[in-house]
Amino acid sequence: MAEWFLEEGIGEHRAIRLEGGEIAEAIVMWPGGLASGLVEDAVLTTRRKGSRRGTATFDNGEIALVDRLPADAAEGARIRLQIVRPALAEVGRAKHAHARPTTAPVRPAPSLAETLSGAGHAVRTVRQFPECDWDELMGEAMDGHVDFSGGALHFACTPAMTVCDVDGDLPARELALEAALALSQAMKRLDLRGNIGVDFPTLPAKEDRRAVDSALADALARWPHERTAMNGFGFVQIVARLERPSLLQRATYHRSAFAARQLLRRAEHLEGAGAVEMRAHPAVIAQLSAPLLEELQRRTGRQVSTMCDPALAMEASHAQLVSL
């Protein structure tokens, strides 16, 4: 049974599993919206004749794509649905949440603690994580860049899949084998799911490609997924069930909101006397809504102020204590 540490942060719940003092796995969830596991009634908005698919509008105004519709489900009628995948952002558009009809009782989406405990993990809720490499992980998510011995992984989100390019100066076989382990670690740390395409160095020899396939099999042995064998161009596709946006997707498509939540975390855990002052790029400050700032003030018992600084990169936001 794995033990996870859980922080119920401001605007964000986050959990980590540690190995040797470093983060082996991480999950971030933002409360609200159509999250996986939510069961609620909605209006069936559209349905093509003869199709088992359609769209539904929930009471909060969000739209979900619905499949497995029963024959008697009619447009305009209310239907009970369960969310099986939340909405996902992309460049220039958003993918609607996915839902399916259900007879289960209405219920909110499970919390992060419930999700982990339901999977058989031990969960310890803490005010602050034990000392670990959380800030480094957030930097990896913001940069889409993960270093390993002899090379680096470069991640990018596309409409079709999350892609990863393997780069380095080691001999091709050695680089690919080192990258296989680093990739498995990065996917778990960044909570990558869905379709993942990996561009390894081209390995002409079949025995070299089999060696990398074997290394990936060992590294991902207890991580539910399917994957292709490496082809002659060094490409591997990995598919895992997508239940929530990854840290990489949040940092890519909701960059200012992602940075704002990390700023709130730093501000919440400041130690010493004084008021909280948060300085950040204007786009980050714009994400600090009144309810979030009020919650920060309630948790810390301090006065809170914000300052816009256009010269700061979003990831360079900082919080400090100042004299009243």
C-alpha atoms as a PDB file:
ATOM      1  CA  MET A   1       0.000   0.000   0.000  1.00  0.00           C
ATOM      2  CA  ALA A   2       1.498   3.315  -1.110  1.00  0.00           C
ATOM      3  CA  GLU A   3       1.310   6.313   1.212  1.00  0.00           C
ATOM      4  CA  TRP A   4       0.361   9.648  -0.295  1.00  0.00           C
ATOM      5  CA  PHE A   5       0.660  13.071   1.311  1.00  0.00           C
ATOM      6  CA  LEU A   6      -2.230  15.407   0.592  1.00  0.00           C
ATOM      7  CA  GLU A   7      -2.396  19.198   0.791  1.00  0.00           C
ATOM      8  CA  GLU A   8      -5.861  20.716   0.551  1.00  0.00           C
ATOM      9  CA  GLY A   9      -4.552  23.979  -0.818  1.00  0.00           C
ATOM     10  CA  ILE A  10      -6.250  27.213  -1.837  1.00  0.00           C
ATOM     11  CA  GLY A  11      -7.956  26.604  -5.177  1.00  0.00           C
ATOM     12  CA  GLU A  12      -6.064  23.359  -5.587  1.00  0.00           C
ATOM     13  CA  HIS A  13      -5.756  19.971  -3.941  1.00  0.00           C
ATOM     14  CA  ARG A  14      -2.405  18.284  -4.489  1.00  0.00           C
ATOM     15  CA  ALA A  15      -0.965  14.913  -3.526  1.00  0.00           C
ATOM     16  CA  ILE A  16       2.453  13.307  -3.770  1.00  0.00           C
ATOM     17  CA  ARG A  17       4.034   9.935  -3.185  1.00  0.00           C
ATOM     18  CA  LEU A  18       7.661  10.058  -2.103  1.00  0.00           C
ATOM     19  CA  GLU A  19      10.548   7.683  -2.729  1.00  0.00           C
ATOM     20  CA  GLY A  20      13.845   8.523  -1.074  1.00  0.00           C
ATOM     21  CA  GLY A  21      12.689  12.055  -0.300  1.00  0.00           C
ATOM     22  CA  GLU A  22      11.831  12.807  -3.935  1.00  0.00           C
ATOM     23  CA  ILE A  23       8.441  12.914  -5.621  1.00  0.00           C
ATOM     24  CA  ALA A  24       7.717   9.662  -7.448  1.00  0.00           C
ATOM     25  CA  GLU A  25       4.100  10.493  -8.313  1.00  0.00           C
ATOM     26  CA  ALA A  26       2.008  13.644  -8.119  1.00  0.00           C
ATOM     27  CA  ILE A  27      -1.625  14.567  -8.734  1.00  0.00           C
ATOM     28  CA  VAL A  28      -3.232  18.010  -8.837  1.00  0.00           C
ATOM     29  CA  MET A  29      -6.981  18.639  -8.856  1.00  0.00           C
ATOM     30  CA  TRP A  30      -8.792  21.959  -9.083  1.00  0.00           C
ATOM     31  CA  PRO A  31     -12.178  21.861  -7.332  1.00  0.00           C
ATOM     32  CA  GLY A  32     -15.295  22.700  -9.325  1.00  0.00           C
ATOM     33  CA  GLY A  33     -16.526  22.001 -12.825  1.00  0.00           C
ATOM     34  CA  LEU A  34     -17.472  18.684 -14.374  1.00  0.00           C
ATOM     35  CA  ALA A  35     -14.938  16.388 -12.734  1.00  0.00           C
ATOM     36  CA  SER A  36     -14.656  12.634 -13.231  1.00  0.00           C
ATOM     37  CA  GLY A  37     -17.091  10.694 -11.058  1.00  0.00           C
ATOM     38  CA  LEU A  38     -19.681  13.488 -10.747  1.00  0.00           C
ATOM     39  CA  VAL A  39     -23.261  12.201 -11.084  1.00  0.00           C
ATOM     40  CA  GLU A  40     -25.853  14.861 -11.874  1.00  0.00           C
ATOM     41  CA  ASP A  41     -28.968  15.462 -13.935  1.00  0.00           C
ATOM     42  CA  ALA A  42     -28.605  17.474 -17.137  1.00  0.00           C
ATOM     43  CA  VAL A  43     -30.679  18.401 -20.176  1.00  0.00           C
ATOM     44  CA  LEU A  44     -30.064  16.371 -23.323  1.00  0.00           C
ATOM     45  CA  THR A  45     -29.457  19.268 -25.702  1.00  0.00           C
ATOM     46  CA  THR A  46     -28.792  17.526 -29.019  1.00  0.00           C
ATOM     47  CA  ARG A  47     -29.071  14.039 -30.426  1.00  0.00           C
ATOM     48  CA  ARG A  48     -28.880  12.993 -34.047  1.00  0.00           C
ATOM     49  CA  LYS A  49     -31.534  10.606 -35.238  1.00  0.00           C
ATOM     50  CA  GLY A  50     -30.393   7.005 -34.880  1.00  0.00           C
ATOM     51  CA  SER A  51     -27.252   7.963 -32.970  1.00  0.00           C
ATOM     52  CA  ARG A  52     -26.353   6.890 -29.439  1.00  0.00           C
ATOM     53  CA  ARG A  53     -24.342  10.067 -28.974  1.00  0.00           C
ATOM     54  CA  GLY A  54     -25.351  13.634 -28.187  1.00  0.00           C
ATOM     55  CA  THR A  55     -24.624  16.633 -25.997  1.00  0.00           C
ATOM     56  CA  ALA A  56     -26.027  17.600 -22.614  1.00  0.00           C
ATOM     57  CA  THR A  57     -26.051  20.879 -20.720  1.00  0.00           C
ATOM     58  CA  PHE A  58     -25.590  20.831 -16.950  1.00  0.00           C
ATOM     59  CA  ASP A  59     -27.145  23.309 -14.545  1.00  0.00           C
ATOM     60  CA  ASN A  60     -23.839  25.204 -14.250  1.00  0.00           C
ATOM     61  CA  GLY A  61     -23.921  25.836 -18.021  1.00  0.00           C
ATOM     62  CA  GLU A  62     -21.143  23.384 -18.924  1.00  0.00           C
ATOM     63  CA  ILE A  63     -21.650  21.084 -21.896  1.00  0.00           C
ATOM     64  CA  ALA A  64     -20.653  17.419 -22.048  1.00  0.00           C
ATOM     65  CA  LEU A  65     -20.516  14.925 -24.889  1.00  0.00           C
ATOM     66  CA  VAL A  66     -22.685  11.910 -24.089  1.00  0.00           C
ATOM     67  CA  ASP A  67     -22.453   8.404 -25.498  1.00  0.00           C
ATOM     68  CA  ARG A  68     -24.356   5.135 -24.880  1.00  0.00           C
ATOM     69  CA  LEU A  69     -27.663   6.994 -24.926  1.00  0.00           C
ATOM     70  CA  PRO A  70     -30.716   4.740 -24.508  1.00  0.00           C
ATOM     71  CA  ALA A  71     -33.219   4.614 -27.375  1.00  0.00           C
ATOM     72  CA  ASP A  72     -35.866   6.548 -25.442  1.00  0.00           C
ATOM     73  CA  ALA A  73     -33.624   9.501 -24.491  1.00  0.00           C
ATOM     74  CA  ALA A  74     -35.116  12.549 -26.222  1.00  0.00           C
ATOM     75  CA  GLU A  75     -33.818  16.057 -26.829  1.00  0.00           C
ATOM     76  CA  GLY A  76     -34.985  18.483 -24.148  1.00  0.00           C
ATOM     77  CA  ALA A  77     -35.441  15.792 -21.495  1.00  0.00           C
ATOM     78  CA  ARG A  78     -33.459  15.628 -18.289  1.00  0.00           C
ATOM     79  CA  ILE A  79     -31.157  12.658 -18.012  1.00  0.00           C
ATOM     80  CA  ARG A  80     -28.868  11.452 -15.250  1.00  0.00           C
ATOM     81  CA  LEU A  81     -25.235  11.360 -16.299  1.00  0.00           C
ATOM     82  CA  GLN A  82     -21.859  10.431 -14.859  1.00  0.00           C
ATOM     83  CA  ILE A  83     -18.761  12.320 -15.938  1.00  0.00           C
ATOM     84  CA  VAL A  84     -16.072   9.921 -17.145  1.00  0.00           C
ATOM     85  CA  ARG A  85     -13.583  12.545 -18.344  1.00  0.00           C
ATOM     86  CA  PRO A  86     -13.417  16.261 -17.544  1.00  0.00           C
ATOM     87  CA  ALA A  87     -13.141  19.040 -20.092  1.00  0.00           C
ATOM     88  CA  LEU A  88      -9.663  19.530 -21.518  1.00  0.00           C
ATOM     89  CA  ALA A  89      -8.139  22.701 -22.910  1.00  0.00           C
ATOM     90  CA  GLU A  90      -6.304  22.904 -26.222  1.00  0.00           C
ATOM     91  CA  VAL A  91      -4.826  25.685 -28.324  1.00  0.00           C
ATOM     92  CA  GLY A  92      -7.746  27.697 -29.667  1.00  0.00           C
ATOM     93  CA  ARG A  93     -10.485  25.417 -28.320  1.00  0.00           C
ATOM     94  CA  ALA A  94     -11.636  23.224 -25.458  1.00  0.00           C
ATOM     95  CA  LYS A  95     -12.678  19.582 -25.526  1.00  0.00           C
ATOM     96  CA  HIS A  96     -15.976  19.085 -23.726  1.00  0.00           C
ATOM     97  CA  ALA A  97     -16.254  16.696 -20.815  1.00  0.00           C
ATOM     98  CA  HIS A  98     -17.426  13.149 -21.586  1.00  0.00           C
ATOM     99  CA  ALA A  99     -20.429  11.619 -19.826  1.00  0.00           C
ATOM    100  CA  ARG A 100     -22.547   8.464 -19.850  1.00  0.00           C
ATOM    101  CA  PRO A 101     -26.085   7.744 -18.656  1.00  0.00           C
ATOM    102  CA  THR A 102     -26.338   6.169 -15.208  1.00  0.00           C
ATOM    103  CA  THR A 103     -28.922   5.122 -12.618  1.00  0.00           C
ATOM    104  CA  ALA A 104     -26.583   5.903  -9.712  1.00  0.00           C
ATOM    105  CA  PRO A 105     -27.703   8.445  -7.107  1.00  0.00           C
ATOM    106  CA  VAL A 106     -26.690  12.064  -7.585  1.00  0.00           C
ATOM    107  CA  ARG A 107     -23.321  12.721  -5.979  1.00  0.00           C
ATOM    108  CA  PRO A 108     -20.423  15.182  -6.237  1.00  0.00           C
ATOM    109  CA  ALA A 109     -17.170  14.153  -7.841  1.00  0.00           C
ATOM    110  CA  PRO A 110     -14.917  12.281  -5.394  1.00  0.00           C
ATOM    111  CA  SER A 111     -12.293  14.400  -3.679  1.00  0.00           C
ATOM    112  CA  LEU A 112      -8.630  13.722  -4.304  1.00  0.00           C
ATOM    113  CA  ALA A 113      -8.440  11.973  -0.927  1.00  0.00           C
ATOM    114  CA  GLU A 114     -11.406   9.767  -1.859  1.00  0.00           C
ATOM    115  CA  THR A 115      -9.905   9.011  -5.266  1.00  0.00           C
ATOM    116  CA  LEU A 116      -6.632   7.851  -3.716  1.00  0.00           C
ATOM    117  CA  SER A 117      -8.173   5.886  -0.859  1.00  0.00           C
ATOM    118  CA  GLY A 118     -10.621   4.281  -3.311  1.00  0.00           C
ATOM    119  CA  ALA A 119      -7.610   3.015  -5.269  1.00  0.00           C
ATOM    120  CA  GLY A 120      -6.294   1.340  -2.115  1.00  0.00           C
ATOM    121  CA  HIS A 121      -3.715   3.931  -1.078  1.00  0.00           C
ATOM    122  CA  ALA A 122      -3.069   5.309   2.383  1.00  0.00           C
ATOM    123  CA  VAL A 123      -3.645   9.074   2.488  1.00  0.00           C
ATOM    124  CA  ARG A 124      -2.156  11.436   5.062  1.00  0.00           C
ATOM    125  CA  THR A 125      -3.576  14.959   4.963  1.00  0.00           C
ATOM    126  CA  VAL A 126      -0.942  17.502   5.980  1.00  0.00           C
ATOM    127  CA  ARG A 127      -0.772  21.265   6.138  1.00  0.00           C
ATOM    128  CA  GLN A 128       2.494  21.191   4.182  1.00  0.00           C
ATOM    129  CA  PHE A 129       4.348  18.439   2.349  1.00  0.00           C
ATOM    130  CA  PRO A 130       7.516  17.021   3.886  1.00  0.00           C
ATOM    131  CA  GLU A 131      10.651  18.569   2.423  1.00  0.00           C
ATOM    132  CA  CYS A 132      10.824  17.450  -1.202  1.00  0.00           C
ATOM    133  CA  ASP A 133      11.359  18.643  -4.761  1.00  0.00           C
ATOM    134  CA  TRP A 134       7.878  20.154  -5.320  1.00  0.00           C
ATOM    135  CA  ASP A 135       9.229  23.436  -6.718  1.00  0.00           C
ATOM    136  CA  GLU A 136      11.485  21.534  -9.122  1.00  0.00           C
ATOM    137  CA  LEU A 137       8.497  19.500 -10.317  1.00  0.00           C
ATOM    138  CA  MET A 138       6.472  22.668 -10.886  1.00  0.00           C
ATOM    139  CA  GLY A 139       9.395  24.016 -12.924  1.00  0.00           C
ATOM    140  CA  GLU A 140       9.402  20.868 -15.062  1.00  0.00           C
ATOM    141  CA  ALA A 141       5.678  21.277 -15.708  1.00  0.00           C
ATOM    142  CA  MET A 142       6.053  24.946 -16.638  1.00  0.00           C
ATOM    143  CA  ASP A 143       9.084  24.338 -18.888  1.00  0.00           C
ATOM    144  CA  GLY A 144       8.064  20.972 -20.345  1.00  0.00           C
ATOM    145  CA  HIS A 145      11.686  19.981 -19.844  1.00  0.00           C
ATOM    146  CA  VAL A 146      13.105  17.129 -17.726  1.00  0.00           C
ATOM    147  CA  ASP A 147      16.839  16.473 -17.490  1.00  0.00           C
ATOM    148  CA  PHE A 148      18.367  13.045 -16.956  1.00  0.00           C
ATOM    149  CA  SER A 149      21.908  11.699 -17.004  1.00  0.00           C
ATOM    150  CA  GLY A 150      23.226  12.257 -20.536  1.00  0.00           C
ATOM    151  CA  GLY A 151      20.114  13.857 -21.991  1.00  0.00           C
ATOM    152  CA  ALA A 152      16.735  15.518 -21.618  1.00  0.00           C
ATOM    153  CA  LEU A 153      13.055  14.963 -22.310  1.00  0.00           C
ATOM    154  CA  HIS A 154      11.142  17.754 -24.052  1.00  0.00           C
ATOM    155  CA  PHE A 155       7.352  17.550 -23.638  1.00  0.00           C
ATOM    156  CA  ALA A 156       4.663  19.377 -25.587  1.00  0.00           C
ATOM    157  CA  CYS A 157       0.868  19.174 -25.629  1.00  0.00           C
ATOM    158  CA  THR A 158      -0.874  18.817 -28.998  1.00  0.00           C
ATOM    159  CA  PRO A 159      -4.564  18.230 -29.883  1.00  0.00           C
ATOM    160  CA  ALA A 160      -3.827  14.592 -30.681  1.00  0.00           C
ATOM    161  CA  MET A 161      -1.466  13.627 -27.874  1.00  0.00           C
ATOM    162  CA  THR A 162       1.246  14.662 -25.469  1.00  0.00           C
ATOM    163  CA  VAL A 163       4.527  14.295 -27.321  1.00  0.00           C
ATOM    164  CA  CYS A 164       8.006  13.810 -25.927  1.00  0.00           C
ATOM    165  CA  ASP A 165      11.278  14.264 -27.777  1.00  0.00           C
ATOM    166  CA  VAL A 166      14.383  12.526 -26.417  1.00  0.00           C
ATOM    167  CA  ASP A 167      17.578  14.523 -26.825  1.00  0.00           C
ATOM    168  CA  GLY A 168      21.152  14.013 -25.632  1.00  0.00           C
ATOM    169  CA  ASP A 169      24.759  13.380 -26.570  1.00  0.00           C
ATOM    170  CA  LEU A 170      25.073   9.719 -25.557  1.00  0.00           C
ATOM    171  CA  PRO A 171      25.311   6.965 -28.182  1.00  0.00           C
ATOM    172  CA  ALA A 172      21.809   6.267 -29.537  1.00  0.00           C
ATOM    173  CA  ARG A 173      21.219   2.917 -27.796  1.00  0.00           C
ATOM    174  CA  GLU A 174      22.555   4.139 -24.468  1.00  0.00           C
ATOM    175  CA  LEU A 175      20.568   7.368 -24.728  1.00  0.00           C
ATOM    176  CA  ALA A 176      17.337   5.496 -25.470  1.00  0.00           C
ATOM    177  CA  LEU A 177      17.834   3.124 -22.531  1.00  0.00           C
ATOM    178  CA  GLU A 178      18.546   5.979 -20.130  1.00  0.00           C
ATOM    179  CA  ALA A 179      15.544   7.867 -21.505  1.00  0.00           C
ATOM    180  CA  ALA A 180      13.202   4.908 -20.987  1.00  0.00           C
ATOM    181  CA  LEU A 181      13.657   5.042 -17.221  1.00  0.00           C
ATOM    182  CA  ALA A 182      13.564   8.858 -17.129  1.00  0.00           C
ATOM    183  CA  LEU A 183      10.382   8.846 -19.218  1.00  0.00           C
ATOM    184  CA  SER A 184       8.576   6.445 -16.891  1.00  0.00           C
ATOM    185  CA  GLN A 185       9.519   8.596 -13.909  1.00  0.00           C
ATOM    186  CA  ALA A 186       8.485  11.840 -15.602  1.00  0.00           C
ATOM    187  CA  MET A 187       5.104  10.485 -16.690  1.00  0.00           C
ATOM    188  CA  LYS A 188       4.253   9.529 -13.116  1.00  0.00           C
ATOM    189  CA  ARG A 189       5.551  12.800 -11.654  1.00  0.00           C
ATOM    190  CA  LEU A 190       3.664  14.913 -14.215  1.00  0.00           C
ATOM    191  CA  ASP A 191       0.558  12.670 -14.049  1.00  0.00           C
ATOM    192  CA  LEU A 192       0.606  12.169 -17.820  1.00  0.00           C
ATOM    193  CA  ARG A 193      -2.273  10.136 -19.216  1.00  0.00           C
ATOM    194  CA  GLY A 194      -4.151   9.709 -22.471  1.00  0.00           C
ATOM    195  CA  ASN A 195      -2.164   9.371 -25.714  1.00  0.00           C
ATOM    196  CA  ILE A 196       1.570   9.905 -25.296  1.00  0.00           C
ATOM    197  CA  GLY A 197       3.936   9.787 -28.260  1.00  0.00           C
ATOM    198  CA  VAL A 198       7.680   9.405 -27.645  1.00  0.00           C
ATOM    199  CA  ASP A 199      10.351  10.121 -30.245  1.00  0.00           C
ATOM    200  CA  PHE A 200      13.419   8.125 -29.199  1.00  0.00           C
ATOM    201  CA  PRO A 201      16.683   8.141 -31.195  1.00  0.00           C
ATOM    202  CA  THR A 202      16.405   6.079 -34.364  1.00  0.00           C
ATOM    203  CA  LEU A 203      17.746   2.575 -33.708  1.00  0.00           C
ATOM    204  CA  PRO A 204      18.242   0.575 -36.952  1.00  0.00           C
ATOM    205  CA  ALA A 205      19.038  -2.705 -35.161  1.00  0.00           C
ATOM    206  CA  LYS A 206      15.983  -4.695 -34.037  1.00  0.00           C
ATOM    207  CA  GLU A 207      17.837  -6.006 -31.000  1.00  0.00           C
ATOM    208  CA  ASP A 208      18.422  -2.418 -29.816  1.00  0.00           C
ATOM    209  CA  ARG A 209      14.740  -1.581 -30.238  1.00  0.00           C
ATOM    210  CA  ARG A 210      13.767  -4.710 -28.325  1.00  0.00           C
ATOM    211  CA  ALA A 211      16.113  -3.690 -25.515  1.00  0.00           C
ATOM    212  CA  VAL A 212      14.338  -0.329 -25.197  1.00  0.00           C
ATOM    213  CA  ASP A 213      10.930  -2.029 -25.323  1.00  0.00           C
ATOM    214  CA  SER A 214      12.060  -4.313 -22.509  1.00  0.00           C
ATOM    215  CA  ALA A 215      13.361  -1.365 -20.467  1.00  0.00           C
ATOM    216  CA  LEU A 216      10.016   0.422 -20.864  1.00  0.00           C
ATOM    217  CA  ALA A 217       8.131  -2.725 -19.890  1.00  0.00           C
ATOM    218  CA  ASP A 218      10.147  -2.994 -16.677  1.00  0.00           C
ATOM    219  CA  ALA A 219       9.850   0.707 -15.843  1.00  0.00           C
ATOM    220  CA  LEU A 220       6.071   0.785 -16.419  1.00  0.00           C
ATOM    221  CA  ALA A 221       5.290  -2.692 -15.088  1.00  0.00           C
ATOM    222  CA  ARG A 222       2.856  -1.531 -12.364  1.00  0.00           C
ATOM    223  CA  TRP A 223       1.450   1.473 -14.243  1.00  0.00           C
ATOM    224  CA  PRO A 224      -1.756   0.569 -16.152  1.00  0.00           C
ATOM    225  CA  HIS A 225      -1.258   1.304 -19.839  1.00  0.00           C
ATOM    226  CA  GLU A 226      -0.918  -0.076 -23.339  1.00  0.00           C
ATOM    227  CA  ARG A 227       1.923   0.699 -25.697  1.00  0.00           C
ATOM    228  CA  THR A 228       3.285  -0.066 -29.113  1.00  0.00           C
ATOM    229  CA  ALA A 229       6.689  -1.575 -29.805  1.00  0.00           C
ATOM    230  CA  MET A 230       9.291   0.902 -31.009  1.00  0.00           C
ATOM    231  CA  ASN A 231       9.139   1.269 -34.773  1.00  0.00           C
ATOM    232  CA  GLY A 232      12.082   1.702 -37.113  1.00  0.00           C
ATOM    233  CA  PHE A 233      12.034   5.470 -36.639  1.00  0.00           C
ATOM    234  CA  GLY A 234      12.274   5.275 -32.851  1.00  0.00           C
ATOM    235  CA  PHE A 235       8.625   6.158 -32.165  1.00  0.00           C
ATOM    236  CA  VAL A 236       6.603   4.625 -29.324  1.00  0.00           C
ATOM    237  CA  GLN A 237       2.976   5.341 -28.468  1.00  0.00           C
ATOM    238  CA  ILE A 238       1.750   4.882 -24.898  1.00  0.00           C
ATOM    239  CA  VAL A 239      -1.944   5.006 -23.952  1.00  0.00           C
ATOM    240  CA  ALA A 240      -3.308   5.264 -20.409  1.00  0.00           C
ATOM    241  CA  ARG A 241      -6.785   6.072 -19.123  1.00  0.00           C
ATOM    242  CA  LEU A 242      -7.286   9.840 -18.999  1.00  0.00           C
ATOM    243  CA  GLU A 243      -9.205  10.930 -15.878  1.00  0.00           C
ATOM    244  CA  ARG A 244      -7.957  14.502 -15.349  1.00  0.00           C
ATOM    245  CA  PRO A 245      -5.624  17.081 -16.889  1.00  0.00           C
ATOM    246  CA  SER A 246      -1.944  16.441 -16.250  1.00  0.00           C
ATOM    247  CA  LEU A 247       0.334  18.941 -14.539  1.00  0.00           C
ATOM    248  CA  LEU A 248       1.827  19.587 -17.986  1.00  0.00           C
ATOM    249  CA  GLN A 249      -1.585  20.336 -19.529  1.00  0.00           C
ATOM    250  CA  ARG A 250      -2.513  22.687 -16.691  1.00  0.00           C
ATOM    251  CA  ALA A 251       0.818  24.504 -16.955  1.00  0.00           C
ATOM    252  CA  THR A 252       0.476  24.742 -20.757  1.00  0.00           C
ATOM    253  CA  TYR A 253      -3.156  25.766 -21.212  1.00  0.00           C
ATOM    254  CA  HIS A 254      -3.881  27.459 -17.876  1.00  0.00           C
ATOM    255  CA  ARG A 255      -0.449  28.928 -17.283  1.00  0.00           C
ATOM    256  CA  SER A 256      -1.460  31.999 -15.305  1.00  0.00           C
ATOM    257  CA  ALA A 257      -3.922  30.048 -13.146  1.00  0.00           C
ATOM    258  CA  PHE A 258      -1.295  27.361 -12.554  1.00  0.00           C
ATOM    259  CA  ALA A 259       1.274  29.972 -11.505  1.00  0.00           C
ATOM    260  CA  ALA A 260      -1.277  31.730  -9.280  1.00  0.00           C
ATOM    261  CA  ARG A 261      -1.959  28.552  -7.313  1.00  0.00           C
ATOM    262  CA  GLN A 262       1.737  27.977  -6.721  1.00  0.00           C
ATOM    263  CA  LEU A 263       2.039  31.583  -5.567  1.00  0.00           C
ATOM    264  CA  LEU A 264      -0.821  31.053  -3.105  1.00  0.00           C
ATOM    265  CA  ARG A 265       0.905  27.946  -1.788  1.00  0.00           C
ATOM    266  CA  ARG A 266       4.139  29.833  -1.153  1.00  0.00           C
ATOM    267  CA  ALA A 267       2.261  32.695   0.505  1.00  0.00           C
ATOM    268  CA  GLU A 268       0.318  30.338   2.759  1.00  0.00           C
ATOM    269  CA  HIS A 269       3.475  28.753   4.141  1.00  0.00           C
ATOM    270  CA  LEU A 270       5.493  31.897   4.850  1.00  0.00           C
ATOM    271  CA  GLU A 271       6.910  31.939   8.372  1.00  0.00           C
ATOM    272  CA  GLY A 272       7.580  34.973  10.526  1.00  0.00           C
ATOM    273  CA  ALA A 273       5.839  38.247  11.316  1.00  0.00           C
ATOM    274  CA  GLY A 274       4.232  40.721   8.965  1.00  0.00           C
ATOM    275  CA  ALA A 275       1.682  41.006   6.177  1.00  0.00           C
ATOM    276  CA  VAL A 276       1.731  38.930   2.995  1.00  0.00           C
ATOM    277  CA  GLU A 277       2.781  40.698  -0.190  1.00  0.00           C
ATOM    278  CA  MET A 278       2.543  38.823  -3.483  1.00  0.00           C
ATOM    279  CA  ARG A 279       4.314  40.207  -6.532  1.00  0.00           C
ATOM    280  CA  ALA A 280       3.630  38.663  -9.936  1.00  0.00           C
ATOM    281  CA  HIS A 281       2.982  39.180 -13.628  1.00  0.00           C
ATOM    282  CA  PRO A 282      -0.381  40.952 -14.211  1.00  0.00           C
ATOM    283  CA  ALA A 283      -1.877  37.805 -15.758  1.00  0.00           C
ATOM    284  CA  VAL A 284      -1.107  35.896 -12.569  1.00  0.00           C
ATOM    285  CA  ILE A 285      -2.477  38.642 -10.309  1.00  0.00           C
ATOM    286  CA  ALA A 286      -5.687  38.598 -12.383  1.00  0.00           C
ATOM    287  CA  GLN A 287      -6.194  34.962 -11.360  1.00  0.00           C
ATOM    288  CA  LEU A 288      -6.167  35.844  -7.653  1.00  0.00           C
ATOM    289  CA  SER A 289      -9.895  36.293  -7.189  1.00  0.00           C
ATOM    290  CA  ALA A 290     -11.393  37.809  -4.045  1.00  0.00           C
ATOM    291  CA  PRO A 291     -12.480  34.394  -2.651  1.00  0.00           C
ATOM    292  CA  LEU A 292      -8.943  33.026  -3.064  1.00  0.00           C
ATOM    293  CA  LEU A 293      -7.376  36.042  -1.365  1.00  0.00           C
ATOM    294  CA  GLU A 294      -9.947  35.917   1.429  1.00  0.00           C
ATOM    295  CA  GLU A 295      -9.140  32.251   2.007  1.00  0.00           C
ATOM    296  CA  LEU A 296      -5.419  33.056   2.142  1.00  0.00           C
ATOM    297  CA  GLN A 297      -6.102  35.755   4.717  1.00  0.00           C
ATOM    298  CA  ARG A 298      -8.296  33.407   6.752  1.00  0.00           C
ATOM    299  CA  ARG A 299      -5.713  30.624   6.773  1.00  0.00           C
ATOM    300  CA  THR A 300      -2.742  32.803   7.604  1.00  0.00           C
ATOM    301  CA  GLY A 301      -4.409  35.411   9.828  1.00  0.00           C
ATOM    302  CA  ARG A 302      -2.427  38.059   7.929  1.00  0.00           C
ATOM    303  CA  GLN A 303      -3.243  41.047   5.805  1.00  0.00           C
ATOM    304  CA  VAL A 304      -2.746  40.275   2.115  1.00  0.00           C
ATOM    305  CA  SER A 305      -1.744  42.566  -0.750  1.00  0.00           C
ATOM    306  CA  THR A 306      -0.786  42.039  -4.379  1.00  0.00           C
ATOM    307  CA  MET A 307       1.529  43.931  -6.726  1.00  0.00           C
ATOM    308  CA  CYS A 308       1.676  43.651 -10.524  1.00  0.00           C
ATOM    309  CA  ASP A 309       5.110  43.473 -12.117  1.00  0.00           C
ATOM    310  CA  PRO A 310       5.034  43.057 -15.929  1.00  0.00           C
ATOM    311  CA  ALA A 311       8.787  42.392 -15.923  1.00  0.00           C
ATOM    312  CA  LEU A 312       8.316  39.124 -14.030  1.00  0.00           C
ATOM    313  CA  ALA A 313       7.812  35.874 -15.895  1.00  0.00           C
ATOM    314  CA  MET A 314       4.738  33.952 -14.749  1.00  0.00           C
ATOM    315  CA  GLU A 315       6.878  31.302 -13.108  1.00  0.00           C
ATOM    316  CA  ALA A 316       8.892  33.958 -11.248  1.00  0.00           C
ATOM    317  CA  SER A 317       6.036  35.113  -8.992  1.00  0.00           C
ATOM    318  CA  HIS A 318       7.046  35.450  -5.363  1.00  0.00           C
ATOM    319  CA  ALA A 319       5.553  36.095  -1.932  1.00  0.00           C
ATOM    320  CA  GLN A 320       7.139  37.723   1.081  1.00  0.00           C
ATOM    321  CA  LEU A 321       6.304  39.124   4.505  1.00  0.00           C
ATOM    322  CA  VAL A 322       6.436  42.906   4.892  1.00  0.00           C
ATOM    323  CA  SER A 323       6.082  45.245   7.852  1.00  0.00           C
ATOM    324  CA  LEU A 324       2.641  46.736   8.431  1.00  0.00           C
END
